[in-house]
């Protein structure tokens, strides 16, 4: 269990916005684990960024998350590699020591070129 709730700082949000603006009209899903007490609030941080840059996204939904790692973040695609926007998100998070695992889940209905950010 984490002692302090996860959240993105204003600076982190600004940097992510600047990086992700290079990928207009990206389709992204967001889901979070109801088992992690801070997951919904953390998901809302990312959704605020995605909305600010005009990405098309769903409302965050509670779901079983495929990751139990300490970072608790996963980028999920149905098939193929991560789209460039997801790679940029992952690489930008690494600057701040935030790791996001990558998963291919063929059972999920994720459109080609889009991804799901899962927060555990």
N, C-alpha and C. Protein backbone atom coordinates (compact mmCIF):
# COMPACT_ATOMS: atom_id res chain seq x y z
N UNK A 1 0.84 -1.18 0.00
CA UNK A 1 0.00 0.00 0.00
C UNK A 1 0.89 1.24 0.00
N UNK A 2 0.56 2.20 -0.80
CA UNK A 2 1.39 3.40 -0.90
C UNK A 2 1.02 4.37 0.21
N UNK A 3 2.04 5.07 0.74
CA UNK A 3 1.80 5.97 1.84
C UNK A 3 1.24 7.32 1.39
N UNK A 4 1.71 7.83 0.26
CA UNK A 4 1.19 9.09 -0.24
C UNK A 4 0.47 8.85 -1.57
N UNK A 5 -0.66 9.48 -1.76
CA UNK A 5 -1.40 9.30 -3.02
C UNK A 5 -0.58 9.79 -4.21
N UNK A 6 -0.69 9.05 -5.30
CA UNK A 6 0.00 9.45 -6.53
C UNK A 6 -0.76 10.60 -7.18
N UNK A 7 0.01 11.54 -7.71
CA UNK A 7 -0.58 12.62 -8.50
C UNK A 7 0.52 13.24 -9.34
N UNK A 8 0.11 13.86 -10.41
CA UNK A 8 1.06 14.56 -11.27
C UNK A 8 1.15 16.00 -10.80
N UNK A 9 2.36 16.52 -10.77
CA UNK A 9 2.54 17.93 -10.42
C UNK A 9 2.12 18.80 -11.60
N UNK A 10 1.95 20.06 -11.34
CA UNK A 10 1.61 21.00 -12.41
C UNK A 10 2.70 21.00 -13.48
N UNK A 11 3.95 20.94 -13.06
CA UNK A 11 5.07 20.91 -14.02
C UNK A 11 5.01 19.64 -14.87
N UNK A 12 4.78 18.50 -14.24
CA UNK A 12 4.68 17.24 -14.99
C UNK A 12 3.54 17.29 -16.01
N UNK A 13 2.41 17.83 -15.59
CA UNK A 13 1.27 17.96 -16.51
C UNK A 13 1.63 18.85 -17.70
N UNK A 14 2.31 19.97 -17.43
CA UNK A 14 2.68 20.90 -18.50
C UNK A 14 3.64 20.24 -19.48
N UNK A 15 4.61 19.49 -18.98
CA UNK A 15 5.56 18.81 -19.86
C UNK A 15 4.83 17.76 -20.70
N UNK A 16 3.98 16.96 -20.07
CA UNK A 16 3.24 15.94 -20.81
C UNK A 16 2.36 16.56 -21.89
N UNK A 17 1.72 17.68 -21.57
CA UNK A 17 0.90 18.36 -22.57
C UNK A 17 1.75 18.78 -23.76
N UNK A 18 2.91 19.38 -23.49
CA UNK A 18 3.78 19.83 -24.58
C UNK A 18 4.24 18.66 -25.45
N UNK A 19 4.60 17.56 -24.83
CA UNK A 19 5.08 16.39 -25.59
C UNK A 19 3.94 15.78 -26.40
N UNK A 20 2.78 15.61 -25.78
CA UNK A 20 1.69 14.88 -26.42
C UNK A 20 0.91 15.71 -27.44
N UNK A 21 1.10 17.02 -27.44
CA UNK A 21 0.46 17.86 -28.46
C UNK A 21 0.87 17.47 -29.88
N UNK A 22 2.01 16.81 -30.00
CA UNK A 22 2.51 16.38 -31.31
C UNK A 22 1.67 15.25 -31.90
N UNK A 23 0.72 14.73 -31.13
CA UNK A 23 -0.09 13.60 -31.58
C UNK A 23 -1.58 13.96 -31.50
N UNK A 24 -2.06 14.78 -32.43
CA UNK A 24 -3.45 15.24 -32.36
C UNK A 24 -4.44 14.10 -32.60
N UNK A 25 -5.59 14.26 -31.99
CA UNK A 25 -6.74 13.38 -32.20
C UNK A 25 -6.45 11.91 -31.92
N UNK A 26 -5.62 11.65 -30.93
CA UNK A 26 -5.35 10.27 -30.52
C UNK A 26 -6.57 9.71 -29.79
N UNK A 27 -6.85 8.45 -30.02
CA UNK A 27 -7.91 7.74 -29.29
C UNK A 27 -7.24 7.01 -28.13
N UNK A 28 -7.76 7.21 -26.91
CA UNK A 28 -7.18 6.58 -25.73
C UNK A 28 -8.29 6.19 -24.76
N UNK A 29 -8.10 5.08 -24.11
CA UNK A 29 -9.00 4.67 -23.04
C UNK A 29 -8.26 4.78 -21.71
N UNK A 30 -9.01 4.98 -20.65
CA UNK A 30 -8.42 5.04 -19.32
C UNK A 30 -9.23 4.13 -18.41
N UNK A 31 -8.53 3.28 -17.67
CA UNK A 31 -9.21 2.47 -16.67
C UNK A 31 -8.35 2.44 -15.42
N UNK A 32 -8.96 2.10 -14.31
CA UNK A 32 -8.25 2.11 -13.04
C UNK A 32 -8.73 0.95 -12.17
N UNK A 33 -7.87 0.55 -11.27
CA UNK A 33 -8.21 -0.54 -10.36
C UNK A 33 -8.94 0.01 -9.13
N UNK A 34 -10.11 -0.53 -8.82
CA UNK A 34 -10.80 -0.08 -7.61
C UNK A 34 -10.07 -0.52 -6.34
N UNK A 35 -9.08 -1.40 -6.47
CA UNK A 35 -8.32 -1.87 -5.31
C UNK A 35 -7.29 -0.84 -4.84
N UNK A 36 -6.88 0.07 -5.72
CA UNK A 36 -5.90 1.10 -5.36
C UNK A 36 -6.65 2.37 -4.96
N UNK A 37 -6.51 2.80 -3.72
CA UNK A 37 -7.32 3.93 -3.24
C UNK A 37 -7.11 5.24 -3.98
N UNK A 38 -5.93 5.44 -4.59
CA UNK A 38 -5.66 6.69 -5.28
C UNK A 38 -5.78 6.58 -6.79
N UNK A 39 -6.18 5.42 -7.30
CA UNK A 39 -6.16 5.18 -8.74
C UNK A 39 -7.12 6.09 -9.51
N UNK A 40 -8.32 6.30 -9.01
CA UNK A 40 -9.28 7.15 -9.72
C UNK A 40 -8.76 8.58 -9.83
N UNK A 41 -8.24 9.13 -8.75
CA UNK A 41 -7.72 10.51 -8.78
C UNK A 41 -6.53 10.61 -9.72
N UNK A 42 -5.66 9.59 -9.70
CA UNK A 42 -4.50 9.57 -10.59
C UNK A 42 -4.97 9.47 -12.04
N UNK A 43 -5.98 8.65 -12.29
CA UNK A 43 -6.56 8.54 -13.64
C UNK A 43 -7.11 9.89 -14.10
N UNK A 44 -7.73 10.61 -13.20
CA UNK A 44 -8.29 11.92 -13.55
C UNK A 44 -7.20 12.91 -13.93
N UNK A 45 -6.02 12.81 -13.30
CA UNK A 45 -4.88 13.65 -13.70
C UNK A 45 -4.55 13.44 -15.18
N UNK A 46 -4.46 12.17 -15.58
CA UNK A 46 -4.14 11.87 -16.97
C UNK A 46 -5.27 12.28 -17.90
N UNK A 47 -6.50 12.08 -17.48
CA UNK A 47 -7.64 12.46 -18.31
C UNK A 47 -7.67 13.97 -18.53
N UNK A 48 -7.29 14.75 -17.53
CA UNK A 48 -7.22 16.20 -17.67
C UNK A 48 -6.23 16.58 -18.77
N UNK A 49 -5.09 15.90 -18.78
CA UNK A 49 -4.07 16.15 -19.81
C UNK A 49 -4.62 15.78 -21.18
N UNK A 50 -5.20 14.59 -21.29
CA UNK A 50 -5.70 14.11 -22.58
C UNK A 50 -6.79 15.02 -23.13
N UNK A 51 -7.66 15.49 -22.27
CA UNK A 51 -8.72 16.42 -22.72
C UNK A 51 -8.12 17.76 -23.15
N UNK A 52 -7.12 18.23 -22.41
CA UNK A 52 -6.51 19.53 -22.71
C UNK A 52 -5.88 19.54 -24.11
N UNK A 53 -5.40 18.39 -24.57
CA UNK A 53 -4.76 18.34 -25.89
C UNK A 53 -5.71 17.84 -26.98
N UNK A 54 -6.96 17.60 -26.60
CA UNK A 54 -7.96 17.25 -27.60
C UNK A 54 -8.03 15.79 -27.98
N UNK A 55 -7.45 14.93 -27.15
CA UNK A 55 -7.56 13.51 -27.44
C UNK A 55 -8.97 13.01 -27.19
N UNK A 56 -9.37 11.99 -27.93
CA UNK A 56 -10.69 11.38 -27.76
C UNK A 56 -10.55 10.27 -26.72
N UNK A 57 -11.31 10.37 -25.64
CA UNK A 57 -11.19 9.37 -24.60
C UNK A 57 -12.52 9.03 -23.97
N UNK A 58 -12.52 7.87 -23.34
CA UNK A 58 -13.70 7.44 -22.60
C UNK A 58 -13.65 8.01 -21.19
N UNK A 59 -14.74 7.90 -20.46
CA UNK A 59 -14.69 8.20 -19.04
C UNK A 59 -13.95 7.07 -18.35
N UNK A 60 -13.20 7.39 -17.32
CA UNK A 60 -12.44 6.35 -16.61
C UNK A 60 -13.41 5.32 -16.06
N UNK A 61 -13.03 4.07 -16.19
CA UNK A 61 -13.88 3.01 -15.69
C UNK A 61 -13.08 2.10 -14.76
N UNK A 62 -13.75 1.58 -13.75
CA UNK A 62 -13.12 0.63 -12.86
C UNK A 62 -12.96 -0.68 -13.60
N UNK A 63 -11.80 -1.29 -13.48
CA UNK A 63 -11.54 -2.56 -14.17
C UNK A 63 -10.42 -3.29 -13.47
N UNK A 64 -10.40 -4.58 -13.65
CA UNK A 64 -9.27 -5.36 -13.15
C UNK A 64 -8.06 -5.00 -14.01
N UNK A 65 -6.98 -4.68 -13.37
CA UNK A 65 -5.79 -4.21 -14.06
C UNK A 65 -4.79 -5.37 -14.16
N UNK A 66 -4.12 -5.44 -15.29
CA UNK A 66 -3.19 -6.54 -15.55
C UNK A 66 -1.87 -6.38 -14.81
N UNK A 67 -1.64 -5.25 -14.18
CA UNK A 67 -0.36 -5.02 -13.52
C UNK A 67 -0.50 -4.97 -12.01
N UNK A 68 0.45 -5.53 -11.33
CA UNK A 68 0.53 -5.41 -9.88
C UNK A 68 1.87 -4.81 -9.48
N UNK A 69 2.57 -4.24 -10.43
CA UNK A 69 3.87 -3.64 -10.14
C UNK A 69 3.69 -2.38 -9.30
N UNK A 70 4.77 -1.92 -8.69
CA UNK A 70 4.68 -0.77 -7.80
C UNK A 70 4.27 0.50 -8.53
N UNK A 71 4.70 0.63 -9.80
CA UNK A 71 4.33 1.82 -10.56
C UNK A 71 2.83 1.85 -10.80
N UNK A 72 2.27 0.67 -11.06
CA UNK A 72 0.83 0.58 -11.23
C UNK A 72 0.30 1.19 -12.50
N UNK A 73 1.14 1.42 -13.49
CA UNK A 73 0.69 1.96 -14.77
C UNK A 73 0.98 0.95 -15.87
N UNK A 74 0.04 0.83 -16.80
CA UNK A 74 0.26 -0.04 -17.95
C UNK A 74 -0.32 0.61 -19.19
N UNK A 75 0.36 0.43 -20.30
CA UNK A 75 -0.12 0.87 -21.61
C UNK A 75 -0.50 -0.40 -22.35
N UNK A 76 -1.76 -0.49 -22.75
CA UNK A 76 -2.29 -1.72 -23.31
C UNK A 76 -2.75 -1.50 -24.74
N UNK A 77 -2.37 -2.41 -25.62
CA UNK A 77 -2.85 -2.44 -27.00
C UNK A 77 -3.44 -3.82 -27.27
N UNK A 78 -4.28 -3.94 -28.29
CA UNK A 78 -4.86 -5.24 -28.64
C UNK A 78 -3.92 -6.05 -29.52
N UNK A 79 -3.21 -5.36 -30.37
CA UNK A 79 -2.30 -6.04 -31.29
C UNK A 79 -1.24 -5.06 -31.75
N UNK A 80 -0.12 -5.61 -32.13
CA UNK A 80 0.95 -4.76 -32.65
C UNK A 80 1.71 -4.02 -31.57
N UNK A 81 2.44 -3.03 -32.02
CA UNK A 81 3.28 -2.23 -31.12
C UNK A 81 2.50 -1.04 -30.57
N UNK A 82 3.09 -0.42 -29.56
CA UNK A 82 2.51 0.81 -29.03
C UNK A 82 2.51 1.88 -30.11
N UNK A 83 1.43 2.66 -30.21
CA UNK A 83 1.46 3.78 -31.15
C UNK A 83 2.48 4.83 -30.67
N UNK A 84 2.97 5.66 -31.57
CA UNK A 84 3.97 6.67 -31.19
C UNK A 84 3.53 7.55 -30.02
N UNK A 85 2.25 7.88 -29.94
CA UNK A 85 1.78 8.71 -28.83
C UNK A 85 1.97 8.01 -27.49
N UNK A 86 1.71 6.71 -27.44
CA UNK A 86 1.88 5.95 -26.19
C UNK A 86 3.37 5.83 -25.85
N UNK A 87 4.21 5.68 -26.88
CA UNK A 87 5.65 5.63 -26.64
C UNK A 87 6.14 6.95 -26.05
N UNK A 88 5.63 8.06 -26.59
CA UNK A 88 6.01 9.38 -26.08
C UNK A 88 5.55 9.58 -24.64
N UNK A 89 4.33 9.10 -24.33
CA UNK A 89 3.83 9.18 -22.96
C UNK A 89 4.72 8.38 -22.03
N UNK A 90 5.03 7.14 -22.41
CA UNK A 90 5.87 6.27 -21.58
C UNK A 90 7.25 6.90 -21.36
N UNK A 91 7.86 7.40 -22.44
CA UNK A 91 9.20 7.98 -22.33
C UNK A 91 9.19 9.26 -21.50
N UNK A 92 8.15 10.05 -21.61
CA UNK A 92 8.05 11.28 -20.83
C UNK A 92 7.88 10.97 -19.34
N UNK A 93 7.10 9.96 -19.03
CA UNK A 93 6.91 9.57 -17.62
C UNK A 93 8.22 9.08 -17.01
N UNK A 94 9.03 8.40 -17.81
CA UNK A 94 10.31 7.88 -17.31
C UNK A 94 11.22 9.00 -16.83
N UNK A 95 11.11 10.18 -17.43
CA UNK A 95 11.91 11.33 -17.00
C UNK A 95 11.70 11.59 -15.52
N UNK A 96 10.49 11.33 -15.04
CA UNK A 96 10.13 11.58 -13.64
C UNK A 96 10.20 10.32 -12.79
N UNK A 97 10.79 9.26 -13.33
CA UNK A 97 10.90 8.03 -12.57
C UNK A 97 9.60 7.26 -12.45
N UNK A 98 8.66 7.54 -13.35
CA UNK A 98 7.37 6.85 -13.36
C UNK A 98 7.42 5.82 -14.48
N UNK A 99 7.35 4.55 -14.12
CA UNK A 99 7.42 3.48 -15.12
C UNK A 99 6.01 3.03 -15.51
N UNK A 100 5.84 2.74 -16.77
CA UNK A 100 4.59 2.19 -17.29
C UNK A 100 4.93 0.92 -18.06
N UNK A 101 4.32 -0.17 -17.65
CA UNK A 101 4.51 -1.43 -18.35
C UNK A 101 3.75 -1.41 -19.67
N UNK A 102 4.16 -2.27 -20.58
CA UNK A 102 3.50 -2.38 -21.88
C UNK A 102 2.93 -3.79 -22.01
N UNK A 103 1.66 -3.87 -22.40
CA UNK A 103 1.01 -5.16 -22.56
C UNK A 103 0.25 -5.21 -23.88
N UNK A 104 0.24 -6.38 -24.48
CA UNK A 104 -0.61 -6.64 -25.63
C UNK A 104 -1.69 -7.60 -25.14
N UNK A 105 -2.94 -7.18 -25.21
CA UNK A 105 -4.06 -7.99 -24.76
C UNK A 105 -5.03 -8.17 -25.93
N UNK A 106 -4.89 -9.27 -26.68
CA UNK A 106 -5.73 -9.47 -27.87
C UNK A 106 -7.21 -9.64 -27.54
N UNK A 107 -7.55 -9.88 -26.27
CA UNK A 107 -8.94 -10.05 -25.88
C UNK A 107 -9.68 -8.72 -25.71
N UNK A 108 -8.92 -7.63 -25.63
CA UNK A 108 -9.54 -6.31 -25.49
C UNK A 108 -9.89 -5.76 -26.87
N UNK A 109 -10.95 -5.02 -26.93
CA UNK A 109 -11.38 -4.41 -28.19
C UNK A 109 -10.80 -2.99 -28.26
N UNK A 110 -9.52 -2.91 -28.58
CA UNK A 110 -8.83 -1.62 -28.67
C UNK A 110 -8.52 -1.39 -30.15
N UNK A 111 -9.00 -0.28 -30.68
CA UNK A 111 -8.80 0.02 -32.09
C UNK A 111 -7.33 0.13 -32.43
N UNK A 112 -7.00 -0.24 -33.66
CA UNK A 112 -5.63 -0.12 -34.13
C UNK A 112 -5.19 1.35 -34.03
N UNK A 113 -3.98 1.55 -33.54
CA UNK A 113 -3.46 2.92 -33.40
C UNK A 113 -3.86 3.60 -32.11
N UNK A 114 -4.68 2.94 -31.30
CA UNK A 114 -5.06 3.54 -30.01
C UNK A 114 -4.54 2.64 -28.89
N UNK A 115 -4.72 3.09 -27.65
CA UNK A 115 -4.23 2.33 -26.51
C UNK A 115 -5.09 2.65 -25.29
N UNK A 116 -4.90 1.86 -24.24
CA UNK A 116 -5.56 2.09 -22.96
C UNK A 116 -4.48 2.33 -21.92
N UNK A 117 -4.67 3.37 -21.13
CA UNK A 117 -3.80 3.62 -19.97
C UNK A 117 -4.53 3.01 -18.77
N UNK A 118 -3.91 1.99 -18.19
CA UNK A 118 -4.48 1.31 -17.03
C UNK A 118 -3.72 1.72 -15.78
N UNK A 119 -4.44 2.11 -14.76
CA UNK A 119 -3.83 2.59 -13.52
C UNK A 119 -4.22 1.66 -12.39
N UNK A 120 -3.21 1.02 -11.82
CA UNK A 120 -3.42 0.07 -10.74
C UNK A 120 -3.11 0.68 -9.41
